[in-house]
């Protein structure tokens, strides 16, 4: 499964609010992720919101470009996380925030995403 469709998009306002109240945070510069084990209606292991703050990127096309890059990197690097969640039967809600002022290149962002997902997987395995 290499697609990253609409089912992966987290839209529930209630879930997003509880993510920031009860969720945990991990960082791998320039990415930061808030995550929470949640019941998701869709049949996907996780749902995600990707954010590039207006404070860092004044122009909408820059924010959209960063979010598109992150989404593509996540699509390619999500398999280990999906495998772990499928075997444990968990579902996660994720909120990924890009915190750098400069836009990283694709390979740099890929490296950061691998590091972040590695930390997330390690964290989830210690909880289990």
C-alpha atoms as a PDB file:
ATOM      1  CA  UNK A   1       0.000   0.000   0.000  1.00  0.00           C
ATOM      2  CA  UNK A   2       1.855   3.033  -1.221  1.00  0.00           C
ATOM      3  CA  UNK A   3      -0.984   5.516  -1.378  1.00  0.00           C
ATOM      4  CA  UNK A   4      -1.730   8.211   1.156  1.00  0.00           C
ATOM      5  CA  UNK A   5      -5.383   9.021   0.681  1.00  0.00           C
ATOM      6  CA  UNK A   6      -8.046  11.016   2.412  1.00  0.00           C
ATOM      7  CA  UNK A   7      -8.515   8.317   5.070  1.00  0.00           C
ATOM      8  CA  UNK A   8      -5.150   9.339   6.552  1.00  0.00           C
ATOM      9  CA  UNK A   9      -6.284  12.921   7.101  1.00  0.00           C
ATOM     10  CA  UNK A  10      -7.242  13.765  10.668  1.00  0.00           C
ATOM     11  CA  UNK A  11     -10.282  16.041  10.639  1.00  0.00           C
ATOM     12  CA  UNK A  12     -11.870  15.489  14.051  1.00  0.00           C
ATOM     13  CA  UNK A  13     -11.641  18.726  16.026  1.00  0.00           C
ATOM     14  CA  UNK A  14     -12.206  16.835  19.282  1.00  0.00           C
ATOM     15  CA  UNK A  15      -9.324  14.445  18.576  1.00  0.00           C
ATOM     16  CA  UNK A  16      -6.995  17.319  17.628  1.00  0.00           C
ATOM     17  CA  UNK A  17      -7.837  19.166  20.865  1.00  0.00           C
ATOM     18  CA  UNK A  18      -7.222  16.074  22.987  1.00  0.00           C
ATOM     19  CA  UNK A  19      -3.928  15.548  21.108  1.00  0.00           C
ATOM     20  CA  UNK A  20      -2.563  18.771  22.566  1.00  0.00           C
ATOM     21  CA  UNK A  21      -4.097  18.228  26.025  1.00  0.00           C
ATOM     22  CA  UNK A  22      -3.272  14.555  26.627  1.00  0.00           C
ATOM     23  CA  UNK A  23      -0.871  13.628  23.842  1.00  0.00           C
ATOM     24  CA  UNK A  24       2.887  13.209  23.997  1.00  0.00           C
ATOM     25  CA  UNK A  25       5.450  15.137  21.982  1.00  0.00           C
ATOM     26  CA  UNK A  26       8.636  14.044  20.226  1.00  0.00           C
ATOM     27  CA  UNK A  27      11.125  16.175  18.325  1.00  0.00           C
ATOM     28  CA  UNK A  28      13.647  15.580  15.566  1.00  0.00           C
ATOM     29  CA  UNK A  29      14.620  19.009  14.304  1.00  0.00           C
ATOM     30  CA  UNK A  30      12.965  20.545  12.279  1.00  0.00           C
ATOM     31  CA  UNK A  31       9.977  18.266  12.860  1.00  0.00           C
ATOM     32  CA  UNK A  32       7.909  17.937  15.971  1.00  0.00           C
ATOM     33  CA  UNK A  33       5.129  15.392  16.431  1.00  0.00           C
ATOM     34  CA  UNK A  34       2.281  15.209  18.916  1.00  0.00           C
ATOM     35  CA  UNK A  35       0.723  11.787  19.150  1.00  0.00           C
ATOM     36  CA  UNK A  36      -2.089  10.090  20.999  1.00  0.00           C
ATOM     37  CA  UNK A  37      -3.621   6.648  20.870  1.00  0.00           C
ATOM     38  CA  UNK A  38      -7.136   7.256  19.597  1.00  0.00           C
ATOM     39  CA  UNK A  39     -10.143   5.468  18.192  1.00  0.00           C
ATOM     40  CA  UNK A  40     -10.344   6.307  14.506  1.00  0.00           C
ATOM     41  CA  UNK A  41     -13.438   5.590  12.434  1.00  0.00           C
ATOM     42  CA  UNK A  42     -11.397   4.903   9.289  1.00  0.00           C
ATOM     43  CA  UNK A  43      -9.645   1.565   8.739  1.00  0.00           C
ATOM     44  CA  UNK A  44      -6.154   3.107   8.777  1.00  0.00           C
ATOM     45  CA  UNK A  45      -3.438   2.670  11.451  1.00  0.00           C
ATOM     46  CA  UNK A  46      -2.983   6.415  11.904  1.00  0.00           C
ATOM     47  CA  UNK A  47      -4.380   9.768  10.886  1.00  0.00           C
ATOM     48  CA  UNK A  48      -2.246  12.876  10.591  1.00  0.00           C
ATOM     49  CA  UNK A  49      -2.386  16.668  10.431  1.00  0.00           C
ATOM     50  CA  UNK A  50       0.619  18.423   8.898  1.00  0.00           C
ATOM     51  CA  UNK A  51       1.313  22.016   9.859  1.00  0.00           C
ATOM     52  CA  UNK A  52       3.719  24.694   8.674  1.00  0.00           C
ATOM     53  CA  UNK A  53       3.223  27.792  10.864  1.00  0.00           C
ATOM     54  CA  UNK A  54       2.299  31.133   9.355  1.00  0.00           C
ATOM     55  CA  UNK A  55       4.845  32.752  11.668  1.00  0.00           C
ATOM     56  CA  UNK A  56       7.677  30.911   9.872  1.00  0.00           C
ATOM     57  CA  UNK A  57       6.302  31.134   6.335  1.00  0.00           C
ATOM     58  CA  UNK A  58       4.375  34.274   5.522  1.00  0.00           C
ATOM     59  CA  UNK A  59       3.454  33.155   2.016  1.00  0.00           C
ATOM     60  CA  UNK A  60       0.809  30.481   1.565  1.00  0.00           C
ATOM     61  CA  UNK A  61       2.637  28.852  -1.338  1.00  0.00           C
ATOM     62  CA  UNK A  62       5.673  28.286   0.921  1.00  0.00           C
ATOM     63  CA  UNK A  63       3.507  26.696   3.629  1.00  0.00           C
ATOM     64  CA  UNK A  64       1.754  24.512   1.074  1.00  0.00           C
ATOM     65  CA  UNK A  65       5.073  23.442  -0.447  1.00  0.00           C
ATOM     66  CA  UNK A  66       6.477  22.426   2.950  1.00  0.00           C
ATOM     67  CA  UNK A  67       3.314  20.499   3.811  1.00  0.00           C
ATOM     68  CA  UNK A  68       3.384  18.752   0.431  1.00  0.00           C
ATOM     69  CA  UNK A  69       7.027  17.756   0.961  1.00  0.00           C
ATOM     70  CA  UNK A  70       6.317  16.390   4.441  1.00  0.00           C
ATOM     71  CA  UNK A  71       3.273  14.481   3.199  1.00  0.00           C
ATOM     72  CA  UNK A  72       5.320  12.844   0.433  1.00  0.00           C
ATOM     73  CA  UNK A  73       8.167  11.927   2.797  1.00  0.00           C
ATOM     74  CA  UNK A  74       5.663  10.473   5.281  1.00  0.00           C
ATOM     75  CA  UNK A  75       3.979   8.479   2.515  1.00  0.00           C
ATOM     76  CA  UNK A  76       7.297   6.855   1.631  1.00  0.00           C
ATOM     77  CA  UNK A  77       8.509   6.307   5.199  1.00  0.00           C
ATOM     78  CA  UNK A  78       5.270   5.227   6.916  1.00  0.00           C
ATOM     79  CA  UNK A  79       5.578   1.445   6.428  1.00  0.00           C
ATOM     80  CA  UNK A  80       7.468   0.526   9.658  1.00  0.00           C
ATOM     81  CA  UNK A  81       5.010   2.579  11.730  1.00  0.00           C
ATOM     82  CA  UNK A  82       2.020   0.991   9.959  1.00  0.00           C
ATOM     83  CA  UNK A  83       3.426  -2.493  10.521  1.00  0.00           C
ATOM     84  CA  UNK A  84       3.891  -1.856  14.257  1.00  0.00           C
ATOM     85  CA  UNK A  85       0.396  -0.390  14.660  1.00  0.00           C
ATOM     86  CA  UNK A  86      -1.238  -3.191  12.666  1.00  0.00           C
ATOM     87  CA  UNK A  87       0.435  -5.920  14.721  1.00  0.00           C
ATOM     88  CA  UNK A  88      -0.433  -4.231  18.028  1.00  0.00           C
ATOM     89  CA  UNK A  89      -3.955  -3.302  16.876  1.00  0.00           C
ATOM     90  CA  UNK A  90      -3.523   0.339  17.865  1.00  0.00           C
ATOM     91  CA  UNK A  91      -4.571   3.500  16.062  1.00  0.00           C
ATOM     92  CA  UNK A  92      -2.766   6.815  16.424  1.00  0.00           C
ATOM     93  CA  UNK A  93      -3.633  10.440  15.873  1.00  0.00           C
ATOM     94  CA  UNK A  94      -0.573  12.459  14.801  1.00  0.00           C
ATOM     95  CA  UNK A  95       0.056  16.181  14.464  1.00  0.00           C
ATOM     96  CA  UNK A  96       3.320  16.998  12.672  1.00  0.00           C
ATOM     97  CA  UNK A  97       4.682  20.543  12.899  1.00  0.00           C
ATOM     98  CA  UNK A  98       7.530  21.907  10.795  1.00  0.00           C
ATOM     99  CA  UNK A  99       9.559  24.264  13.003  1.00  0.00           C
ATOM    100  CA  UNK A 100      12.438  25.485  10.813  1.00  0.00           C
ATOM    101  CA  UNK A 101      12.541  28.915   9.180  1.00  0.00           C
ATOM    102  CA  UNK A 102      14.248  27.593   6.036  1.00  0.00           C
ATOM    103  CA  UNK A 103      12.777  25.007   3.721  1.00  0.00           C
ATOM    104  CA  UNK A 104      14.903  21.855   3.766  1.00  0.00           C
ATOM    105  CA  UNK A 105      15.650  19.815   0.679  1.00  0.00           C
ATOM    106  CA  UNK A 106      13.805  16.554   0.146  1.00  0.00           C
ATOM    107  CA  UNK A 107      16.724  14.262   1.193  1.00  0.00           C
ATOM    108  CA  UNK A 108      17.325  16.285   4.384  1.00  0.00           C
ATOM    109  CA  UNK A 109      13.645  16.153   5.263  1.00  0.00           C
ATOM    110  CA  UNK A 110      13.599  12.418   4.544  1.00  0.00           C
ATOM    111  CA  UNK A 111      16.443  11.888   7.033  1.00  0.00           C
ATOM    112  CA  UNK A 112      14.619  13.932   9.697  1.00  0.00           C
ATOM    113  CA  UNK A 113      11.359  12.025   9.123  1.00  0.00           C
ATOM    114  CA  UNK A 114      13.149   8.664   9.472  1.00  0.00           C
ATOM    115  CA  UNK A 115      14.665   9.856  12.748  1.00  0.00           C
ATOM    116  CA  UNK A 116      11.298  11.110  14.022  1.00  0.00           C
ATOM    117  CA  UNK A 117       9.432   7.938  13.066  1.00  0.00           C
ATOM    118  CA  UNK A 118      12.222   5.863  14.629  1.00  0.00           C
ATOM    119  CA  UNK A 119      11.789   7.752  17.906  1.00  0.00           C
ATOM    120  CA  UNK A 120       8.008   7.339  17.699  1.00  0.00           C
ATOM    121  CA  UNK A 121       8.258   3.590  17.074  1.00  0.00           C
ATOM    122  CA  UNK A 122      10.753   3.179  19.930  1.00  0.00           C
ATOM    123  CA  UNK A 123       8.451   5.142  22.239  1.00  0.00           C
ATOM    124  CA  UNK A 124       5.427   3.059  21.286  1.00  0.00           C
ATOM    125  CA  UNK A 125       7.330  -0.179  21.853  1.00  0.00           C
ATOM    126  CA  UNK A 126       8.418   0.869  25.355  1.00  0.00           C
ATOM    127  CA  UNK A 127       4.790   1.674  26.235  1.00  0.00           C
ATOM    128  CA  UNK A 128       3.562  -1.776  25.154  1.00  0.00           C
END
